[in-house]
Protein backbone atom coordinates (compact mmCIF):
# COMPACT_ATOMS: atom_id res chain seq x y z
CA UNK A 1 85.52 -7.42 274.87
CA UNK A 2 86.58 -5.59 271.66
CA UNK A 3 85.24 -5.76 268.11
CA UNK A 4 88.09 -6.18 265.66
CA UNK A 5 86.75 -6.88 262.17
CA UNK A 6 83.87 -8.13 260.10
CA UNK A 7 83.22 -9.64 256.70
CA UNK A 8 79.59 -10.11 255.76
CA UNK A 9 78.46 -13.59 256.73
CA UNK A 10 81.73 -14.44 258.47
CA UNK A 11 82.70 -13.72 262.04
CA UNK A 12 86.31 -13.72 263.23
CA UNK A 13 86.98 -14.39 266.89
CA UNK A 14 90.39 -14.25 268.49
CA UNK A 15 91.22 -15.72 271.88
CA UNK A 16 94.54 -15.18 273.60
CA UNK A 17 95.63 -17.96 275.95
CA UNK A 18 98.48 -17.36 278.28
CA UNK A 19 99.80 -20.04 280.58
CA UNK A 20 102.51 -19.77 283.17
CA UNK A 21 104.52 -22.28 285.17
CA UNK A 22 106.42 -21.25 288.26
CA UNK A 23 110.04 -22.33 288.21
CA UNK A 24 112.07 -21.19 291.14
CA UNK A 25 111.76 -17.45 291.61
CA UNK A 26 110.78 -16.69 287.97
CA UNK A 27 107.66 -17.10 285.98
CA UNK A 28 107.73 -18.35 282.39
CA UNK A 29 104.63 -17.27 280.42
CA UNK A 30 103.61 -18.66 277.05
CA UNK A 31 101.24 -16.72 274.73
CA UNK A 32 99.35 -17.96 271.73
CA UNK A 33 96.63 -16.57 269.50
CA UNK A 34 93.69 -18.83 268.74
CA UNK A 35 91.69 -17.74 265.67
CA UNK A 36 88.12 -19.04 265.46
CA UNK A 37 86.18 -18.79 262.19
CA UNK A 38 82.38 -19.06 262.26
CA UNK A 39 79.44 -17.95 260.15
CA UNK A 40 78.11 -15.36 262.52
CA UNK A 41 77.15 -11.73 262.60
CA UNK A 42 79.35 -8.84 263.72
CA UNK A 43 78.08 -9.24 267.30
CA UNK A 44 79.98 -12.53 267.52
CA UNK A 45 83.31 -10.91 266.60
CA UNK A 46 85.19 -10.28 269.82
CA UNK A 47 88.57 -10.39 271.43
CA UNK A 48 88.70 -12.30 274.71
CA UNK A 49 91.66 -12.74 276.95
CA UNK A 50 91.91 -15.80 279.12
CA UNK A 51 94.66 -17.34 281.13
CA UNK A 52 94.68 -21.13 281.22
CA UNK A 53 97.07 -24.04 280.89
CA UNK A 54 94.89 -25.78 278.31
CA UNK A 55 94.63 -24.55 274.73
CA UNK A 56 90.98 -25.57 274.38
CA UNK A 57 88.84 -26.63 277.31
CA UNK A 58 85.72 -28.65 277.29
CA UNK A 59 82.65 -26.44 277.07
CA UNK A 60 84.59 -23.41 275.97
CA UNK A 61 82.63 -23.15 272.77
CA UNK A 62 85.69 -23.74 270.58
CA UNK A 63 85.32 -27.49 270.10
CA UNK A 64 82.93 -26.93 267.20
CA UNK A 65 85.17 -24.41 265.44
CA UNK A 66 88.18 -24.49 263.14
CA UNK A 67 91.09 -23.50 265.37
CA UNK A 68 94.30 -21.88 264.09
CA UNK A 69 97.07 -21.26 266.60
CA UNK A 70 99.52 -18.46 265.70
CA UNK A 71 102.43 -17.43 267.88
CA UNK A 72 103.44 -13.81 268.33
CA UNK A 73 106.75 -14.59 266.71
CA UNK A 74 104.93 -15.79 263.60
CA UNK A 75 102.81 -12.65 263.57
CA UNK A 76 105.95 -10.51 263.78
CA UNK A 77 107.57 -12.49 260.97
CA UNK A 78 104.46 -12.04 258.81
CA UNK A 79 104.46 -8.31 259.47
CA UNK A 80 108.16 -8.00 258.59
CA UNK A 81 107.64 -10.03 255.41
CA UNK A 82 104.78 -7.76 254.34
CA UNK A 83 106.88 -4.69 255.14
CA UNK A 84 109.84 -5.99 253.12
CA UNK A 85 107.58 -6.85 250.20
CA UNK A 86 106.00 -3.38 250.16
CA UNK A 87 109.43 -1.74 250.50
CA UNK A 88 110.77 -3.76 247.58
CA UNK A 89 107.86 -2.68 245.38
CA UNK A 90 108.31 0.98 246.33
CA UNK A 91 112.07 0.79 245.76
CA UNK A 92 111.67 -0.88 242.36
CA UNK A 93 109.36 1.92 241.24
CA UNK A 94 111.81 4.59 242.44
CA UNK A 95 115.14 3.11 241.41
CA UNK A 96 116.06 6.27 239.50
CA UNK A 97 116.27 8.32 242.69
CA UNK A 98 117.52 5.50 244.91
CA UNK A 99 120.58 4.92 242.74
CA UNK A 100 121.89 8.35 243.86
CA UNK A 101 121.08 7.74 247.52
CA UNK A 102 123.91 7.29 250.01
CA UNK A 103 124.41 7.18 253.78
CA UNK A 104 126.65 10.21 253.40
CA UNK A 105 123.77 12.21 251.93
CA UNK A 106 121.36 10.87 254.55
CA UNK A 107 123.64 12.01 257.37
CA UNK A 108 124.30 15.36 255.63
CA UNK A 109 128.11 15.23 255.74
CA UNK A 110 128.46 17.56 252.74
CA UNK A 111 126.13 20.13 254.27
CA UNK A 112 128.62 20.40 257.13
CA UNK A 113 131.16 21.69 254.59
CA UNK A 114 129.02 24.62 253.49
CA UNK A 115 130.96 27.79 254.37
CA UNK A 116 129.90 29.83 257.40
CA UNK A 117 127.52 32.63 256.54
CA UNK A 118 129.48 35.19 258.51
CA UNK A 119 133.08 35.67 259.52
CA UNK A 120 136.32 36.99 258.13
CA UNK A 121 139.00 35.24 256.09
CA UNK A 122 140.62 33.89 259.25
CA UNK A 123 137.39 32.18 260.30
CA UNK A 124 136.98 30.76 256.81
CA UNK A 125 140.54 29.42 256.81
CA UNK A 126 139.92 27.83 260.22
CA UNK A 127 136.76 26.23 258.87
CA UNK A 128 138.65 24.79 255.91
CA UNK A 129 141.40 23.56 258.23
CA UNK A 130 138.77 21.41 259.90
CA UNK A 131 137.97 19.98 256.48
CA UNK A 132 141.53 18.67 256.12
CA UNK A 133 140.89 16.40 259.10
CA UNK A 134 137.18 15.64 258.99
CA UNK A 135 135.91 16.46 255.48
CA UNK A 136 134.43 13.57 253.43
CA UNK A 137 136.92 11.85 251.14
CA UNK A 138 136.07 12.13 247.44
CA UNK A 139 136.30 8.99 245.34
CA UNK A 140 137.91 10.02 242.05
CA UNK A 141 139.23 6.59 241.10
CA UNK A 142 136.32 5.51 238.92
CA UNK A 143 135.97 8.66 236.81
CA UNK A 144 135.78 8.24 233.04
CA UNK A 145 137.76 11.06 231.42
CA UNK A 146 136.02 12.62 228.45
CA UNK A 147 138.40 15.08 226.75
CA UNK A 148 141.81 14.24 228.28
CA UNK A 149 143.87 11.25 229.28
CA UNK A 150 143.72 10.48 233.04
CA UNK A 151 145.68 13.42 234.50
CA UNK A 152 148.07 13.44 237.45
CA UNK A 153 146.17 14.94 240.36
CA UNK A 154 148.85 14.57 243.02
CA UNK A 155 150.01 17.62 245.02
CA UNK A 156 147.30 19.92 243.68
CA UNK A 157 144.23 21.51 245.12
CA UNK A 158 141.24 20.43 243.05
CA UNK A 159 138.41 22.72 242.01
CA UNK A 160 135.61 20.31 241.11
CA UNK A 161 132.44 21.42 239.35
CA UNK A 162 129.63 18.83 239.55
CA UNK A 163 127.14 19.34 236.73
CA UNK A 164 124.67 17.65 234.41
CA UNK A 165 123.61 18.34 230.84
CA UNK A 166 119.93 18.81 231.68
CA UNK A 167 120.64 21.62 234.17
CA UNK A 168 119.93 24.93 232.43
CA UNK A 169 122.21 26.79 234.87
CA UNK A 170 125.36 24.95 233.79
CA UNK A 171 126.60 27.57 231.33
CA UNK A 172 126.10 30.48 233.72
CA UNK A 173 127.83 28.70 236.60
CA UNK A 174 130.80 27.80 234.43
CA UNK A 175 131.04 31.39 233.20
CA UNK A 176 131.27 32.56 236.81
CA UNK A 177 133.94 29.97 237.58
CA UNK A 178 136.03 30.89 234.56
CA UNK A 179 135.84 34.57 235.53
CA UNK A 180 137.27 33.77 238.98
CA UNK A 181 139.92 31.45 237.57
CA UNK A 182 141.12 34.02 235.02
CA UNK A 183 141.21 36.71 237.71
CA UNK A 184 143.38 34.49 239.95
CA UNK A 185 145.51 33.08 237.17
CA UNK A 186 148.84 33.85 238.83
CA UNK A 187 147.85 32.51 242.24
CA UNK A 188 146.25 29.33 240.86
CA UNK A 189 148.86 28.43 238.23
CA UNK A 190 149.87 24.81 238.74
CA UNK A 191 148.63 24.69 242.33
CA UNK A 192 144.95 24.27 241.46
CA UNK A 193 143.45 21.95 238.84
CA UNK A 194 139.91 22.52 237.55
CA UNK A 195 137.69 19.55 236.78
CA UNK A 196 134.09 19.37 235.62
CA UNK A 197 132.55 16.05 236.65
CA UNK A 198 129.28 15.05 235.04
CA UNK A 199 126.86 13.26 237.38
CA UNK A 200 123.78 12.22 235.42
CA UNK A 201 120.23 12.38 236.66
CA UNK A 202 118.39 11.07 233.60
CA UNK A 203 119.21 7.81 231.86
CA UNK A 204 119.75 9.43 228.46
CA UNK A 205 122.49 11.79 229.68
CA UNK A 206 124.76 9.01 230.94
CA UNK A 207 126.20 8.29 227.48
CA UNK A 208 129.88 9.48 227.19
CA UNK A 209 129.60 10.80 223.58
CA UNK A 210 126.63 12.88 224.66
CA UNK A 211 128.72 14.41 227.47
CA UNK A 212 131.67 15.04 225.15
CA UNK A 213 129.46 16.77 222.59
CA UNK A 214 128.03 19.04 225.30
CA UNK A 215 131.50 19.94 226.61
CA UNK A 216 132.77 20.74 223.12
CA UNK A 217 129.72 22.82 222.31
CA UNK A 218 130.32 24.92 225.43
CA UNK A 219 134.04 25.20 224.51
CA UNK A 220 135.29 24.34 227.98
CA UNK A 221 139.03 24.76 228.39
CA UNK A 222 139.54 22.37 231.27
CA UNK A 223 139.33 18.64 231.98
CA UNK A 224 135.92 16.97 231.89
CA UNK A 225 135.08 13.58 233.41
CA UNK A 226 131.99 11.45 233.88
CA UNK A 227 131.00 9.91 237.20
CA UNK A 228 129.24 7.04 235.49
CA UNK A 229 128.63 4.88 238.55
CA UNK A 230 128.10 7.94 240.81
CA UNK A 231 130.99 6.89 243.06
CA UNK A 232 132.07 10.51 243.59
CA UNK A 233 128.49 11.65 244.12
CA UNK A 234 127.85 9.01 246.78
CA UNK A 235 131.21 9.30 248.52
CA UNK A 236 130.70 12.95 249.42
CA UNK A 237 126.93 12.81 249.89
CA UNK A 238 126.09 15.28 247.09
CA UNK A 239 122.44 16.23 246.79
CA UNK A 240 122.02 19.05 244.25
CA UNK A 241 123.33 20.37 240.96
CA UNK A 242 125.42 22.40 240.51
CA UNK A 243 127.88 21.84 243.36
CA UNK A 244 131.40 23.28 243.45
CA UNK A 245 134.03 21.63 245.66
CA UNK A 246 137.54 22.54 246.75
CA UNK A 247 139.42 19.33 247.55
CA UNK A 248 142.63 18.93 249.50
CA UNK A 249 145.74 17.59 247.70
CA UNK A 250 146.34 13.84 247.55
CA UNK A 251 143.64 12.55 249.94
CA UNK A 252 140.95 14.70 248.26
CA UNK A 253 138.96 15.66 251.33
CA UNK A 254 136.24 18.27 250.86
CA UNK A 255 137.51 21.54 252.30
CA UNK A 256 134.43 23.50 251.29
CA UNK A 257 131.29 22.87 249.23
CA UNK A 258 129.40 25.63 247.40
CA UNK A 259 125.87 25.45 246.01
CA UNK A 260 123.36 28.00 244.77
CA UNK A 261 124.18 31.59 245.68
CA UNK A 262 127.23 30.57 247.74
CA UNK A 263 129.08 29.81 244.49
CA UNK A 264 129.65 33.57 244.40
CA UNK A 265 132.05 33.10 247.35
CA UNK A 266 134.42 30.93 245.32
CA UNK A 267 137.20 33.50 245.12
CA UNK A 268 137.51 34.03 248.87
CA UNK A 269 137.36 30.25 249.41
CA UNK A 270 140.21 29.72 246.94
CA UNK A 271 142.37 32.31 248.69
CA UNK A 272 141.60 30.69 252.06
CA UNK A 273 142.49 27.21 250.77
CA UNK A 274 145.79 28.42 249.28
CA UNK A 275 146.71 29.95 252.63
CA UNK A 276 146.58 26.51 254.24
CA UNK A 277 149.49 25.14 252.21
CA UNK A 278 153.02 26.29 251.61
CA UNK A 279 154.15 26.73 248.03
CA UNK A 280 156.55 23.82 248.41
CA UNK A 281 153.61 21.51 249.17
CA UNK A 282 151.84 22.18 245.87
CA UNK A 283 152.71 21.66 242.23
CA UNK A 284 154.02 24.58 240.22
CA UNK A 285 153.93 22.91 236.80
CA UNK A 286 151.00 23.56 234.48
CA UNK A 287 148.06 21.17 234.47
CA UNK A 288 147.45 19.45 231.12
CA UNK A 289 144.63 21.12 229.22
CA UNK A 290 142.38 19.48 226.64
CA UNK A 291 142.39 20.43 223.03
CA UNK A 292 139.43 22.76 222.59
CA UNK A 293 137.36 21.86 219.56
CA UNK A 294 135.75 25.00 218.17
CA UNK A 295 132.47 24.16 216.48
CA UNK A 296 132.88 24.37 212.74
CA UNK A 297 131.13 27.25 210.96
CA UNK A 298 131.80 26.91 207.25
CA UNK A 299 129.81 28.27 204.34
CA UNK A 300 128.49 24.83 203.52
CA UNK A 301 126.95 24.55 207.00
CA UNK A 302 123.17 24.08 207.19
CA UNK A 303 121.06 27.17 206.95
CA UNK A 304 119.71 26.56 210.47
CA UNK A 305 121.77 25.67 213.51
CA UNK A 306 119.94 24.10 216.47
CA UNK A 307 116.52 25.65 215.77
CA UNK A 308 114.55 25.33 219.00
CA UNK A 309 111.04 26.82 218.62
CA UNK A 310 108.60 28.02 215.98
CA UNK A 311 105.58 30.32 216.10
CA UNK A 312 102.96 31.10 213.48
CA UNK A 313 100.87 34.05 212.39
CA UNK A 314 98.08 32.17 210.61
CA UNK A 315 96.21 35.28 209.54
CA UNK A 316 99.29 37.01 208.15
CA UNK A 317 100.77 33.82 206.70
CA UNK A 318 104.08 34.14 208.56
CA UNK A 319 106.28 31.55 210.24
CA UNK A 320 108.82 32.56 212.92
CA UNK A 321 111.84 30.35 213.59
CA UNK A 322 114.07 30.63 216.66
CA UNK A 323 117.48 29.82 215.15
CA UNK A 324 119.20 29.36 218.53
CA UNK A 325 122.62 28.26 217.30
CA UNK A 326 122.89 31.36 215.10
CA UNK A 327 121.35 33.66 217.75
CA UNK A 328 118.70 35.08 215.46
CA UNK A 329 115.02 34.88 214.50
CA UNK A 330 114.05 34.05 210.91
CA UNK A 331 110.70 35.06 209.43
CA UNK A 332 109.37 33.16 206.41
CA UNK A 333 106.07 32.50 204.69
CA UNK A 334 104.17 29.36 205.57
CA UNK A 335 105.63 27.86 202.37
CA UNK A 336 109.18 28.58 203.58
CA UNK A 337 110.03 31.66 201.50
CA UNK A 338 112.35 34.04 203.36
CA UNK A 339 110.92 37.37 204.52
CA UNK A 340 113.30 38.90 207.07
CA UNK A 341 115.83 38.22 209.82
CA UNK A 342 115.77 39.63 213.35
CA UNK A 343 119.19 39.89 214.97
CA UNK A 344 122.61 38.71 213.81
CA UNK A 345 125.17 40.44 211.62
CA UNK A 346 125.12 40.62 207.84
CA UNK A 347 127.27 38.19 205.87
CA UNK A 348 127.35 37.37 202.15
CA UNK A 349 127.37 33.75 201.08
CA UNK A 350 129.27 33.42 197.79
CA UNK A 351 127.84 29.94 197.23
CA UNK A 352 124.25 31.08 196.78
CA UNK A 353 123.85 34.71 195.74
CA UNK A 354 120.06 34.52 195.65
CA UNK A 355 119.79 33.33 199.24
CA UNK A 356 122.57 35.69 200.33
CA UNK A 357 120.45 38.69 199.39
CA UNK A 358 118.14 37.87 202.26
CA UNK A 359 119.58 35.29 204.67
CA UNK A 360 122.28 36.63 206.96
CA UNK A 361 124.63 34.13 208.54
CA UNK A 362 125.70 34.67 212.12
CA UNK A 363 128.77 33.33 213.90
CA UNK A 364 129.60 33.22 217.60
CA UNK A 365 131.08 36.74 217.63
CA UNK A 366 127.75 38.10 216.41
CA UNK A 367 126.04 37.04 219.61
CA UNK A 368 125.40 39.80 222.09
CA UNK A 369 122.90 41.97 223.85
CA UNK A 370 121.75 45.04 221.97
CA UNK A 371 118.38 46.63 221.27
CA UNK A 372 117.55 48.60 218.15
CA UNK A 373 116.52 47.84 214.59
CA UNK A 374 116.25 44.30 213.30
CA UNK A 375 119.69 44.64 211.69
CA UNK A 376 121.37 46.12 214.79
CA UNK A 377 119.75 43.96 217.47
CA UNK A 378 121.71 41.08 218.98
CA UNK A 379 120.50 37.96 220.81
CA UNK A 380 122.28 35.18 222.63
CA UNK A 381 120.83 31.68 222.29
CA UNK A 382 117.13 32.65 221.97
CA UNK A 383 114.72 29.83 222.75
CA UNK A 384 110.94 30.24 223.06
CA UNK A 385 108.98 32.62 220.79
CA UNK A 386 105.29 33.54 220.63
CA UNK A 387 103.31 35.83 218.35
CA UNK A 388 101.08 38.45 219.99
CA UNK A 389 98.38 39.17 217.40
CA UNK A 390 96.84 42.04 219.41
CA UNK A 391 100.01 44.11 219.14
CA UNK A 392 101.67 42.54 216.08
CA UNK A 393 104.69 41.71 218.22
CA UNK A 394 106.92 38.70 218.69
CA UNK A 395 107.91 37.78 222.24
CA UNK A 396 111.35 36.14 222.46
CA UNK A 397 112.86 34.30 225.44
CA UNK A 398 116.47 35.49 225.12
CA UNK A 399 117.91 32.73 227.28
CA UNK A 400 121.58 33.68 227.02
CA UNK A 401 120.89 37.28 228.04
CA UNK A 402 118.39 36.34 230.79
CA UNK A 403 115.67 38.69 229.63
CA UNK A 404 112.52 38.93 227.54
CA UNK A 405 112.83 40.62 224.15
CA UNK A 406 109.90 42.15 222.27
CA UNK A 407 110.20 42.49 218.48
CA UNK A 408 107.76 45.04 217.07
CA UNK A 409 107.01 43.80 213.56
CA UNK A 410 105.59 47.10 212.36
CA UNK A 411 108.43 49.33 213.56
CA UNK A 412 111.04 46.59 212.93
CA UNK A 413 112.65 47.23 216.29
CA UNK A 414 113.63 45.19 219.35
CA UNK A 415 113.35 46.22 223.00
CA UNK A 416 114.21 44.43 226.26
CA UNK A 417 112.08 43.71 229.31
CA UNK A 418 113.93 42.64 232.45
CA UNK A 419 112.52 40.35 235.11
CA UNK A 420 112.08 43.01 237.78
CA UNK A 421 108.86 42.81 239.73
CA UNK A 422 107.35 45.41 242.03
CA UNK A 423 105.04 42.95 243.77
CA UNK A 424 104.71 41.76 247.32
CA UNK A 425 103.45 38.24 246.73
CA UNK A 426 103.45 35.96 243.70
CA UNK A 427 100.41 36.63 241.55
CA UNK A 428 99.39 39.84 243.31
CA UNK A 429 100.17 43.24 241.78
CA UNK A 430 101.21 45.91 244.27
CA UNK A 431 102.70 49.35 244.14
CA UNK A 432 106.46 49.86 244.14
CA UNK A 433 107.22 47.92 247.31
CA UNK A 434 110.32 45.90 246.61
CA UNK A 435 112.52 45.29 243.63
CA UNK A 436 113.80 41.76 243.19
CA UNK A 437 116.45 40.85 240.63
CA UNK A 438 117.61 37.40 239.65
CA UNK A 439 121.12 36.59 238.52
CA UNK A 440 120.21 33.61 236.31
CA UNK A 441 116.49 33.34 235.56
CA UNK A 442 117.02 31.50 232.24
CA UNK A 443 113.78 32.32 230.37
CA UNK A 444 113.03 29.27 228.27
CA UNK A 445 109.61 29.56 226.68
CA UNK A 446 106.81 32.09 226.15
CA UNK A 447 103.09 31.83 225.40
CA UNK A 448 100.42 34.45 224.72
CA UNK A 449 96.78 34.53 225.83
CA UNK A 450 94.38 37.51 225.86
CA UNK A 451 97.26 39.94 225.42
CA UNK A 452 99.22 38.50 228.36
CA UNK A 453 102.69 37.11 227.70
CA UNK A 454 103.58 34.21 230.02
CA UNK A 455 107.27 33.36 230.46
CA UNK A 456 108.75 30.20 232.00
CA UNK A 457 111.99 30.86 233.88
CA UNK A 458 113.69 27.48 234.08
CA UNK A 459 116.65 28.80 236.06
CA UNK A 460 114.60 30.31 238.88
CA UNK A 461 111.73 27.75 238.80
CA UNK A 462 109.09 30.44 238.31
CA UNK A 463 106.43 31.62 235.86
CA UNK A 464 106.18 35.35 235.05
CA UNK A 465 103.59 37.42 233.18
CA UNK A 466 103.88 40.55 231.07
CA UNK A 467 100.42 42.12 231.09
CA UNK A 468 98.97 44.20 228.23
CA UNK A 469 99.99 47.42 230.04
CA UNK A 470 103.66 46.46 230.04
CA UNK A 471 103.96 45.49 233.72
CA UNK A 472 106.14 42.48 234.51
CA UNK A 473 104.60 40.34 237.27
CA UNK A 474 105.98 37.40 239.23
CA UNK A 475 103.07 35.10 238.52
CA UNK A 476 103.70 31.67 240.04
CA UNK A 477 106.38 29.62 241.81
CA UNK A 478 109.08 30.48 244.35
CA UNK A 479 112.39 31.89 243.15
CA UNK A 480 115.26 29.44 243.52
CA UNK A 481 113.15 26.70 245.15
CA UNK A 482 112.66 23.54 243.07
CA UNK A 483 109.83 21.13 243.83
CA UNK A 484 106.44 19.83 242.80
CA UNK A 485 103.73 21.29 245.00
CA UNK A 486 100.15 21.74 243.80
CA UNK A 487 97.71 24.25 245.30
CA UNK A 488 93.93 24.57 245.16
CA UNK A 489 93.72 28.34 245.64
CA UNK A 490 96.35 31.03 245.20
CA UNK A 491 99.59 30.70 243.29
CA UNK A 492 102.07 31.59 246.03
CA UNK A 493 102.53 28.09 247.48
CA UNK A 494 103.06 26.26 244.19
CA UNK A 495 106.51 24.90 243.34
CA UNK A 496 108.02 24.04 239.96
CA UNK A 497 111.25 22.40 238.82
CA UNK A 498 112.76 23.94 235.68
CA UNK A 499 109.52 24.82 233.84
CA UNK A 500 110.57 24.73 230.19
CA UNK A 501 107.48 24.67 227.97
CA UNK A 502 104.26 26.70 227.99
CA UNK A 503 100.90 26.45 226.24
CA UNK A 504 98.25 29.03 227.13
CA UNK A 505 94.52 28.67 226.52
CA UNK A 506 91.63 30.90 227.54
CA UNK A 507 91.22 29.22 230.94
CA UNK A 508 94.49 27.42 231.63
CA UNK A 509 98.24 27.64 231.28
CA UNK A 510 99.85 24.24 230.72
CA UNK A 511 103.45 23.89 231.84
CA UNK A 512 106.03 21.25 230.96
CA UNK A 513 107.91 20.92 234.24
CA UNK A 514 111.11 19.37 232.91
CA UNK A 515 113.08 18.48 236.02
CA UNK A 516 110.11 16.74 237.65
CA UNK A 517 109.13 15.12 234.31
CA UNK A 518 105.52 16.21 234.65
CA UNK A 519 102.84 18.24 232.86
CA UNK A 520 101.20 20.83 235.13
CA UNK A 521 98.07 22.94 234.71
CA UNK A 522 97.66 26.45 236.12
CA UNK A 523 94.00 27.46 236.34
CA UNK A 524 93.82 31.11 235.33
CA UNK A 525 90.33 31.56 236.74
CA UNK A 526 90.32 29.55 239.96
CA UNK A 527 94.03 30.26 240.68
CA UNK A 528 94.96 26.63 241.14
CA UNK A 529 97.91 24.45 240.18
CA UNK A 530 97.66 20.70 239.60
CA UNK A 531 99.71 17.89 238.10
CA UNK A 532 98.11 16.42 234.97
CA UNK A 533 100.43 13.47 234.26
CA UNK A 534 103.66 12.15 235.74
CA UNK A 535 105.19 12.56 239.17
CA UNK A 536 105.38 10.44 242.31
CA UNK A 537 101.98 9.91 243.93
CA UNK A 538 103.43 8.98 247.34
CA UNK A 539 106.64 10.95 247.77
CA UNK A 540 105.68 14.35 246.36
CA UNK A 541 109.20 15.71 246.83
CA UNK A 542 110.68 13.06 244.55
CA UNK A 543 111.81 14.83 241.37
CA UNK A 544 113.27 11.66 239.87
CA UNK A 545 110.01 9.89 239.02
CA UNK A 546 110.82 9.60 235.32
CA UNK A 547 110.63 6.81 232.77
CA UNK A 548 108.84 5.77 229.59
CA UNK A 549 105.28 4.64 230.23
CA UNK A 550 101.77 5.48 229.08
CA UNK A 551 99.04 5.76 231.66
CA UNK A 552 96.81 8.00 233.70
CA UNK A 553 97.89 10.65 236.19
CA UNK A 554 100.90 9.63 238.25
CA UNK A 555 100.91 6.23 236.54
CA UNK A 556 102.39 7.82 233.39
CA UNK A 557 106.11 8.41 233.08
CA UNK A 558 107.98 11.03 231.02
CA UNK A 559 111.69 11.82 230.87
CA UNK A 560 112.80 15.46 230.68
CA UNK A 561 109.93 16.80 228.52
CA UNK A 562 110.78 20.15 226.93
CA UNK A 563 107.99 21.36 224.64
CA UNK A 564 104.20 21.46 224.53
CA UNK A 565 101.45 22.69 222.18
CA UNK A 566 97.70 22.40 221.80
CA UNK A 567 96.04 19.93 219.44
CA UNK A 568 92.48 19.28 218.22
CA UNK A 569 89.89 17.64 220.50
CA UNK A 570 91.23 19.45 223.58
CA UNK A 571 94.46 17.48 223.55
CA UNK A 572 98.08 18.48 224.11
CA UNK A 573 101.19 17.26 222.30
CA UNK A 574 104.26 16.99 224.51
CA UNK A 575 107.88 16.65 223.34
CA UNK A 576 109.16 13.87 225.62
CA UNK A 577 112.75 14.80 224.82
CA UNK A 578 114.88 12.18 226.56
CA UNK A 579 112.54 9.39 225.47
CA UNK A 580 112.68 10.62 221.84
CA UNK A 581 108.90 10.55 221.61
CA UNK A 582 105.88 12.80 221.13
CA UNK A 583 103.08 12.07 223.58
CA UNK A 584 99.40 12.94 223.46
CA UNK A 585 97.91 14.22 226.72
CA UNK A 586 94.20 14.62 227.49
CA UNK A 587 94.04 17.02 230.47
CA UNK A 588 90.37 16.36 231.27
CA UNK A 589 91.11 12.65 231.80
CA UNK A 590 94.74 12.93 232.96
CA UNK A 591 95.63 10.52 230.17
CA UNK A 592 99.04 10.21 228.49
CA UNK A 593 99.60 8.09 225.37
CA UNK A 594 102.41 7.68 222.85
CA UNK A 595 101.71 9.67 219.72
CA UNK A 596 104.90 9.33 217.67
CA UNK A 597 108.48 8.09 217.98
CA UNK A 598 110.17 4.81 218.75
CA UNK A 599 112.29 5.81 221.75
């Protein structure tokens, strides 16, 4: 006798009747569930098992009850229906990540084409020989070509770079690829064609003109295509951005796939792939190149070009503008009157002599990496800036140069601080134990609190801190590991995904975690990390829980938020970039509401 359930005032009894009839040498048994509903207490709820030919016998106590007979097949069907209904609801809420899902990714076929970690060139060539026979076949038929007419891909090895606009590492990866391609120009001429295929993650980056504008801005000198329906992505089982592939001629099988740090092995993989084919098997004619559109820089261009961040010195009445497109910092009064420029080279504008006395235009050749006076210093695509009132300094996230720059406003000089930490564990200062360098940290934003400068490194998924004594400390997150993991004590186990915006208060550091489309809070006192709004409440590893929805906690949806700042009444304003909206967030209530914008 087993108790199985109880609702106040109602007892539920279940009897199982099994009957069998001997036929020959076998026994056929029939099972049914009889549900009896009575107004009884919990003591009357029981599960009895009885074997009898009759469903209900006289004197069994069931003749005065409502009897429902349910077969085991019907119970199984009800269970499957409930399971399918729940699965449909979960899938509908996670369609953004499911649309990239494929059986090839589930079985990990592309991971089998990652190059062996050890071995000589012969072993690598043998590994790629296996790819000719068993590598996944890439579907290139449905590509939409952005900057060229559909090219002829026959009889060529293909070097395919899978990227997306929202990935901050795209420029650095392409720079590394171009360096290898230029170094192997003679060997690759005609035999290898380079393609960059855009595979979107967010809805807003699937628009072809958006992709074309990004390619032209980066001045790529090779063919660019869009995998709009993700046919290439699914056919090879791709899982991460960026991914670099070397495909065999004609049938386009994946010979080798490179991701993360293994992209540095591209040159040896190209030599190994060329050794598999005779020269007569590959094309020797040049591959058609797109017409490179150099961004126009004329004297009637706007004063600012892609300004990204601003900072304010309220007491001193100064406004700082990060003029990213011109690779410089402008300093004005709060009314907009020019005061000085930090970085960039001097130019005279004949169209406006009064402005030309102060404002110095910068072109692409005036980008660079150089410390010194405000006139001599050079930046490359600076992004986040923050004013440190305690030292009268301006902290600059010099994204293109992968370092932090400090502009001393009294001495009118610029110095660099590299992301080199002498710490054993994240968030714990130690003596000179190890020195860890990152190839592409991509500092994106800075924020100042109590003399500490916090820096978000979108490329390495970490948060760093420059303390008042000048020590650079790896503060939070794991280098190179993207995710969304909260912790209640200690910073070491927390994971971020392209943290791009920072807002520091006395007790907390709020982080816009762009790739997970969430707002996170780092408790500076209790050493905790939590998600304020956004994210998947069930599948914590899902970084594609994005959308456009107000709500509380994980019920809210953002799409690639990029900026954040404090507002009155303990609120935050968040730049929900890919939704074209500003949202108001109340951290104490985990509430997210639309503040401005129409989407």
